[in-house]
Protein backbone atom coordinates (compact mmCIF):
# COMPACT_ATOMS: atom_id res chain seq x y z
CA MET A 1 67.75 85.31 52.13
CA PRO A 2 64.47 86.48 50.55
CA SER A 3 63.73 85.16 47.12
CA ALA A 4 64.09 87.44 44.09
CA ARG A 5 60.31 87.36 43.73
CA THR A 6 59.87 88.69 47.27
CA VAL A 7 62.40 91.47 46.70
CA ILE A 8 60.72 92.61 43.48
CA ALA A 9 57.28 92.51 45.08
CA ALA A 10 58.51 94.55 48.04
CA LEU A 11 59.87 97.24 45.74
CA ALA A 12 56.67 97.31 43.71
CA PHE A 13 54.32 97.40 46.67
CA ALA A 14 55.97 99.98 48.85
CA LEU A 15 55.04 97.77 51.83
CA PRO A 16 57.63 95.01 52.21
CA CYS A 17 56.28 91.68 53.37
CA HIS A 18 59.25 90.45 55.37
CA ALA A 19 57.42 88.51 58.04
CA GLU A 20 58.44 85.08 56.79
CA PRO A 21 61.34 85.56 54.32
CA GLY A 22 62.18 82.82 51.86
CA LEU A 23 58.73 81.23 51.67
CA THR A 24 57.47 80.27 48.24
CA ASP A 25 53.85 79.95 47.11
CA ALA A 26 54.10 76.18 47.39
CA GLU A 27 54.89 76.46 51.10
CA TRP A 28 51.67 78.29 51.86
CA GLN A 29 48.59 76.43 53.00
CA PRO A 30 45.28 77.01 51.14
CA SER A 31 44.15 79.09 54.09
CA GLY A 32 46.91 81.56 53.30
CA ILE A 33 48.65 81.23 56.68
CA ALA A 34 52.28 80.27 56.77
CA PRO A 35 53.29 77.40 59.04
CA ALA A 36 55.36 79.82 61.08
CA ALA A 37 52.29 81.98 61.68
CA GLU A 38 50.21 78.98 62.69
CA SER A 39 52.67 78.01 65.37
CA ALA A 40 52.71 81.52 66.86
CA PRO A 41 50.60 82.03 69.99
CA SER A 42 47.24 83.55 69.12
CA ALA A 43 45.91 86.70 70.74
CA PRO A 44 42.95 86.38 73.12
CA PRO A 45 39.47 86.87 71.61
CA ARG A 46 38.40 90.50 71.49
CA THR A 47 34.99 91.92 72.25
CA ALA A 48 33.36 94.62 70.13
CA ALA A 49 34.26 97.21 72.77
CA ARG A 50 37.87 96.06 72.76
CA ARG A 51 38.05 96.27 68.97
CA ALA A 52 36.63 99.80 69.11
CA LEU A 53 39.37 100.75 71.57
CA ASP A 54 42.04 99.17 69.36
CA VAL A 55 40.73 101.07 66.33
CA ALA A 56 40.80 104.33 68.29
CA VAL A 57 44.42 103.66 69.22
CA ALA A 58 45.28 102.85 65.58
CA VAL A 59 43.61 106.02 64.28
CA GLY A 60 44.97 108.28 67.02
CA PRO A 61 48.43 107.36 68.32
CA GLY A 62 48.78 105.00 65.37
CA ALA A 63 48.84 107.98 63.01
CA VAL A 64 52.20 108.87 64.58
CA VAL A 65 53.55 105.38 65.29
CA HIS A 66 52.04 102.85 62.90
CA GLY A 67 51.33 99.55 64.60
CA ALA A 68 49.92 101.05 67.80
CA GLY A 69 46.54 99.44 67.09
CA HIS A 70 48.11 95.98 66.84
CA TRP A 71 50.10 96.61 70.02
CA SER A 72 46.83 97.43 71.78
CA ALA A 73 45.26 94.28 70.27
CA GLY A 74 48.01 92.07 71.73
CA ARG A 75 50.05 91.53 68.55
CA PRO A 76 53.37 93.22 69.38
CA GLU A 77 55.35 91.40 66.66
CA THR A 78 53.07 92.70 63.90
CA ALA A 79 53.11 96.13 65.53
CA ARG A 80 56.90 96.09 65.40
CA ARG A 81 56.93 95.12 61.71
CA LEU A 82 54.50 97.91 60.81
CA ALA A 83 56.51 100.47 62.78
CA LEU A 84 59.77 99.35 61.15
CA THR A 85 58.18 99.61 57.70
CA GLN A 86 57.01 103.14 58.56
CA ALA A 87 60.52 104.09 59.68
CA ALA A 88 62.07 102.59 56.55
CA GLY A 89 59.56 104.52 54.42
CA LEU A 90 60.37 107.78 56.18
CA GLY A 91 64.08 107.21 55.62
CA THR A 92 63.54 106.38 51.96
CA MET A 93 61.45 109.52 51.45
CA VAL A 94 64.13 111.67 53.09
CA VAL A 95 66.78 110.17 50.81
CA GLY A 96 64.63 110.70 47.71
CA LEU A 97 63.53 114.25 48.51
CA GLY A 98 67.00 115.20 49.74
CA GLY A 99 68.56 113.85 46.57
CA LEU A 100 66.12 115.80 44.41
CA ALA A 101 66.90 119.00 46.32
CA ILE A 102 70.69 118.53 46.25
CA THR A 103 70.85 117.64 42.55
CA GLY A 104 68.27 120.22 41.50
CA ALA A 105 66.13 117.40 40.10
CA SER A 106 68.81 116.52 37.56
CA ARG A 107 67.39 114.80 34.50
CA TYR A 108 69.94 112.02 34.98
CA LEU A 109 68.86 111.23 38.56
CA VAL A 110 65.27 112.46 38.83
CA ALA A 111 63.70 109.09 37.91
CA PRO A 112 65.37 106.91 40.59
CA LEU A 113 65.12 109.66 43.21
CA ALA A 114 61.43 110.27 42.45
CA LEU A 115 60.77 106.53 42.53
CA ALA A 116 62.49 106.31 45.92
CA THR A 117 60.30 109.16 47.18
CA ILE A 118 57.10 107.50 45.96
CA ALA A 119 58.10 104.07 47.30
CA GLY A 120 59.00 105.66 50.63
CA ALA A 121 55.61 107.38 50.77
CA GLY A 122 53.91 104.04 50.23
CA MET A 123 56.00 102.37 52.92
CA PHE A 124 55.15 105.25 55.26
CA PHE A 125 51.37 105.50 54.74
CA LEU A 126 50.21 101.95 53.93
CA PRO A 127 51.18 100.45 57.33
CA TRP A 128 48.80 102.92 58.97
CA LEU A 129 45.88 101.63 56.89
CA ALA A 130 46.95 98.05 57.61
CA ASP A 131 47.08 98.86 61.33
CA ILE A 132 43.54 100.31 61.29
CA TYR A 133 42.21 97.33 59.33
CA GLY A 134 43.90 94.77 61.58
CA ALA A 135 42.62 96.50 64.71
CA ALA A 136 39.05 96.53 63.34
CA ALA A 137 38.97 93.06 61.71
CA HIS A 138 36.58 90.52 63.21
CA PRO A 139 37.91 86.93 63.31
CA GLY A 140 36.28 84.80 60.64
CA ALA A 141 34.59 87.74 58.92
CA SER A 142 37.39 88.66 56.54
CA GLY A 143 37.00 88.28 52.80
CA ALA A 144 39.15 86.42 50.30
CA PRO A 145 39.85 86.61 46.57
CA PRO A 146 38.21 84.19 44.11
CA ARG A 147 40.03 80.85 43.91
CA LEU A 148 40.21 81.29 40.13
CA PRO A 149 40.25 84.69 38.36
CA PRO A 150 37.53 85.24 35.75
CA VAL A 151 38.33 84.30 32.16
CA TRP A 152 36.90 87.57 30.94
CA ILE A 153 35.22 90.70 32.25
CA THR A 154 33.29 93.31 30.28
CA GLU A 155 32.37 96.77 31.54
CA LEU A 156 30.05 99.56 30.39
CA GLY A 157 29.43 102.73 32.34
CA HIS A 158 29.50 106.50 32.74
CA ARG A 159 32.17 108.84 34.09
CA TYR A 160 31.86 112.48 35.00
CA VAL A 161 35.06 114.53 34.64
CA TRP A 162 35.29 118.08 35.92
CA ASP A 163 38.32 119.91 34.54
CA ALA A 164 38.36 123.71 34.33
CA GLN A 165 40.73 123.56 31.33
CA PHE A 166 38.44 121.51 29.05
CA ALA A 167 34.80 121.53 27.95
CA TYR A 168 34.13 117.79 28.30
CA ARG A 169 32.17 116.48 31.28
CA HIS A 170 30.42 113.20 30.43
CA PHE A 171 32.03 110.02 29.09
CA LEU A 172 30.82 106.62 27.98
CA VAL A 173 33.33 104.07 29.30
CA GLN A 174 33.73 100.52 27.98
CA ALA A 175 36.34 97.85 28.68
CA VAL A 176 37.09 94.18 28.00
CA ASP A 177 39.58 92.08 29.97
CA LEU A 178 40.46 88.57 28.71
CA ARG A 179 42.74 86.01 30.38
CA ILE A 180 44.28 83.09 28.49
CA GLY A 181 46.41 81.12 30.92
CA ARG A 182 49.11 83.49 32.19
CA VAL A 183 48.39 86.05 29.46
CA ARG A 184 45.99 88.95 29.95
CA LEU A 185 44.69 91.11 27.11
CA ALA A 186 42.68 94.24 27.83
CA GLN A 187 41.09 97.07 25.90
CA SER A 188 39.33 100.18 27.19
CA GLY A 189 37.87 103.37 25.79
CA TRP A 190 36.64 106.69 27.18
CA HIS A 191 34.36 108.44 24.68
CA ALA A 192 33.22 111.99 25.46
CA LEU A 193 29.49 112.53 24.96
CA ASP A 194 29.70 116.33 24.91
CA ASP A 195 33.04 117.02 23.22
CA ARG A 196 35.47 115.60 20.65
CA ASN A 197 37.69 113.74 23.07
CA VAL A 198 38.52 110.02 23.03
CA ARG A 199 41.03 107.95 25.02
CA LEU A 200 41.72 104.41 23.75
CA ARG A 201 44.04 101.92 25.43
CA VAL A 202 45.22 98.36 24.75
CA LEU A 203 47.26 96.33 27.25
CA GLY A 204 49.01 92.99 27.30
CA ALA A 205 50.32 91.37 30.48
CA TYR A 206 52.08 88.18 31.48
CA ARG A 207 51.49 86.80 34.99
CA LEU A 208 54.82 85.70 36.44
CA THR A 209 53.31 84.41 39.70
CA GLY A 210 49.83 84.14 41.15
CA PRO A 211 46.44 82.60 40.28
CA THR A 212 45.24 82.17 36.69
CA PRO A 213 41.88 80.92 35.30
CA ALA A 214 43.39 77.41 35.15
CA ARG A 215 45.57 77.50 38.28
CA THR A 216 44.52 78.13 41.86
CA ALA A 217 46.80 79.85 44.36
CA PRO A 218 46.76 80.12 48.15
CA ASP A 219 45.78 83.79 47.99
CA GLY A 220 45.45 86.72 45.60
CA SER A 221 49.12 87.71 45.47
CA PHE A 222 50.54 88.13 41.98
CA LEU A 223 53.34 89.62 39.93
CA GLU A 224 52.75 90.74 36.33
CA LEU A 225 54.76 92.30 33.53
CA GLU A 226 52.68 94.75 31.49
CA ALA A 227 52.98 96.62 28.20
CA ALA A 228 50.39 99.12 26.97
CA LEU A 229 49.67 101.58 24.16
CA THR A 230 47.34 104.56 24.70
CA GLN A 231 46.02 107.09 22.22
CA HIS A 232 44.32 110.21 23.56
CA ARG A 233 42.70 112.56 21.04
CA TYR A 234 41.87 116.15 21.98
CA ASP A 235 40.31 116.96 18.60
CA SER A 236 38.54 120.11 19.85
CA GLU A 237 41.89 121.51 21.00
CA GLY A 238 43.85 120.33 17.96
CA PHE A 239 46.30 117.86 19.48
CA ARG A 240 46.64 114.19 20.35
CA SER A 241 49.07 111.95 22.20
CA LEU A 242 50.34 108.41 21.77
CA THR A 243 51.91 106.70 24.81
CA GLY A 244 53.81 103.42 24.97
CA GLU A 245 54.73 101.96 28.35
CA VAL A 246 56.14 98.95 30.18
CA ALA A 247 55.55 98.31 33.87
CA LEU A 248 55.74 95.75 36.64
CA ALA A 249 52.54 95.35 38.68
CA ALA A 250 52.18 93.36 41.88
CA ARG A 251 49.85 92.52 44.75
CA ARG A 252 50.61 90.96 48.12
CA ASP A 253 47.94 89.63 50.48
CA LEU A 254 48.77 90.80 53.99
CA VAL A 255 47.77 87.51 55.59
CA ARG A 256 51.38 86.65 54.79
CA LEU A 257 52.44 89.35 57.22
CA ASP A 258 50.02 88.41 59.98
CA PRO A 259 46.90 86.16 60.20
CA GLY A 260 45.01 89.12 61.70
CA LEU A 261 45.39 90.97 58.39
CA ARG A 262 43.54 88.27 56.44
CA GLY A 263 41.31 89.84 53.80
CA SER A 264 43.55 92.84 53.08
CA PHE A 265 46.26 93.45 50.51
CA VAL A 266 48.71 96.00 49.18
CA GLU A 267 49.13 96.63 45.50
CA GLY A 268 51.41 98.72 43.33
CA GLY A 269 53.96 98.87 40.60
CA PHE A 270 56.35 101.00 38.62
CA GLY A 271 57.30 101.52 35.00
CA VAL A 272 58.37 103.94 32.29
CA ALA A 273 56.63 105.41 29.25
CA LEU A 274 57.32 107.47 26.15
CA GLN A 275 54.67 109.96 25.06
CA ARG A 276 54.47 111.61 21.62
CA PHE A 277 52.34 114.73 21.05
CA GLU A 278 51.08 115.76 17.62
CA TYR A 279 49.59 119.22 16.94
CA ARG A 280 47.19 120.28 14.22
CA VAL A 281 47.26 124.04 13.71
CA PRO A 282 45.58 125.33 10.51
CA GLY A 283 48.14 126.87 8.18
CA MET A 284 51.13 125.86 10.30
CA ARG A 285 53.45 122.88 10.62
CA VAL A 286 54.28 122.08 14.24
CA GLU A 287 56.88 119.44 15.03
CA PRO A 288 55.77 116.70 17.46
CA ASP A 289 57.09 116.54 21.02
CA VAL A 290 58.35 113.40 22.74
CA ASN A 291 58.45 113.15 26.54
CA ASP A 292 59.26 110.36 28.99
CA LEU A 293 57.05 109.52 31.95
CA LEU A 294 57.69 107.83 35.29
CA LEU A 295 54.88 105.47 36.26
CA ALA A 296 54.36 104.45 39.88
CA ARG A 297 51.40 103.37 41.96
CA PHE A 298 50.60 102.01 45.40
CA GLY A 299 47.35 101.15 47.19
CA PHE A 300 45.68 99.34 50.05
CA GLY A 301 42.58 97.20 49.66
CA ILE A 302 40.23 94.68 51.23
CA TYR A 303 38.29 91.72 49.83
CA PHE A 304 34.51 91.21 50.13
CA ALA A 305 34.24 87.43 50.61
CA GLU A 306 34.82 86.22 47.04
CA ALA A 307 32.46 88.82 45.60
CA GLY A 308 34.67 91.86 45.10
CA GLU A 309 37.09 94.29 46.66
CA ALA A 310 37.62 97.92 47.64
CA GLN A 311 40.82 99.88 47.31
CA VAL A 312 42.33 103.33 47.90
CA HIS A 313 45.44 104.24 45.94
CA TYR A 314 47.93 106.83 44.77
CA ASP A 315 48.82 106.92 41.05
CA HIS A 316 51.75 109.00 39.83
CA ARG A 317 50.80 109.05 36.15
CA HIS A 318 49.93 112.48 34.72
CA ASP A 319 48.57 111.56 31.27
CA ASP A 320 45.02 110.53 32.19
CA TYR A 321 41.99 112.65 33.08
CA ALA A 322 42.75 113.13 36.80
CA ALA A 323 46.42 113.99 36.04
CA GLY A 324 48.58 115.64 38.74
CA LEU A 325 47.34 116.69 42.16
CA GLU A 326 46.51 120.39 42.29
CA LEU A 327 48.09 121.97 45.37
CA THR A 328 49.14 125.42 46.49
CA GLY A 329 52.71 126.57 45.84
CA LEU A 330 55.52 125.10 43.78
CA GLY A 331 54.46 121.49 44.42
CA SER A 332 51.22 121.80 42.46
CA GLY A 333 51.05 119.28 39.63
CA VAL A 334 54.22 117.43 40.64
CA ALA A 335 52.48 114.65 42.55
CA GLY A 336 50.04 112.26 40.90
CA HIS A 337 46.43 111.78 41.93
CA LEU A 338 44.47 109.94 44.62
CA GLY A 339 41.70 107.46 43.93
CA ALA A 340 39.24 104.98 45.41
CA GLU A 341 37.46 102.05 43.79
CA VAL A 342 34.85 99.48 44.82
CA ARG A 343 33.89 96.36 42.86
CA HIS A 344 31.13 93.95 43.88
CA PHE A 345 29.63 91.00 42.02
CA TRP A 346 26.35 89.17 42.45
CA GLY A 347 27.00 86.02 40.49
CA PRO A 348 28.22 86.99 37.01
CA TRP A 349 26.90 90.57 37.24
CA GLY A 350 28.61 93.34 39.14
CA LEU A 351 28.99 97.06 39.73
CA ARG A 352 32.12 99.17 39.82
CA ALA A 353 32.26 102.64 41.38
CA GLU A 354 35.33 104.84 41.35
CA GLY A 355 36.50 108.35 42.13
CA GLN A 356 39.76 110.22 41.52
CA VAL A 357 41.10 113.56 42.72
CA GLY A 358 43.92 115.38 40.94
CA SER A 359 43.91 118.54 38.86
CA ALA A 360 40.49 117.24 37.76
CA PHE A 361 37.74 115.30 39.52
CA VAL A 362 36.59 111.96 38.10
CA ALA A 363 33.66 109.86 39.34
CA GLY A 364 31.35 107.25 37.91
CA VAL A 365 29.76 103.80 37.92
CA SER A 366 29.93 100.84 35.54
CA LEU A 367 27.92 97.67 35.02
CA MET A 368 30.19 94.61 34.78
CA PHE A 369 29.80 91.03 33.60
CA ARG A 370 32.29 88.24 34.29
CA GLN A 371 32.65 84.67 33.16
CA GLY A 372 34.68 81.87 34.74
CA ALA A 373 35.30 83.23 38.26
CA ASN A 374 35.25 80.59 41.01
């Protein structure tokens, strides 16, 4: 039977890692390959031309049947696992969407049904990215996370936000992230340079499993419990919001699924939040509103040696600047937003670039400084 930790991580990731059920972190070698994987017969070396063919299969037929690229690369067992995850994701999405349609998105069932839909979407789409990565990966060239996470990271940068509903465009962004053992404390702020708009956030997290600044781990997999408080002031428009949330965040390195996926990972989480709106209308008293929010996220990423990582993700939250994805028809604004992020360090100094697409467009770059990474 899988451990409780594995079950929770599978739910949070939307890409279950069921290749070697029941393994604990202590049973993994520092290389990140399980003993069972080491004993499996290895695929023959691939030339550059062969890898190009495998990638073409993953991108083409693999878009329909995830795992086709690994089948072409001579890894049928991994191909089967990716295809089964895709099928499970499709089934979960059908159950979630069907339940929402049948119940009319009942307020009593909308949260679990929406979460099932989002988790199913992750299980459906992420195996395709893993298939493309595994088909393209060159043996020995894959990256890895730092052996020890940094004790603290600071960030200062600029973000451009295009939103037709608001006047702001340019933001000064600053953040501090501090780790003390298993505890993580973080603070961030977005300060508009051309409008009266400020978003401030504080977060506390406890790492249940995974590496810490004082404890190495075989890979970058982790499980964290988070709590956060966010204040967003729209002073030009006369309202502000205060949001409190709790969430479970997780990452799983895909080397645990197959050695050929070394250097890649899936990440995600889910949670709930309460949001309180206050309105300031001259000459009037307006009662505040309180709403609940479903938080969910999933993404796929790769490591750059021990110098950084890149990730694409879907985020279901609607209370930030990107907000809900703008589509045509009734579905507009229901889904969350899409994003991409790249971090790279040269020693203690680094750069972070990100972009998000929802009802607004967000893009920018930050200068980062870290201390204690190894």
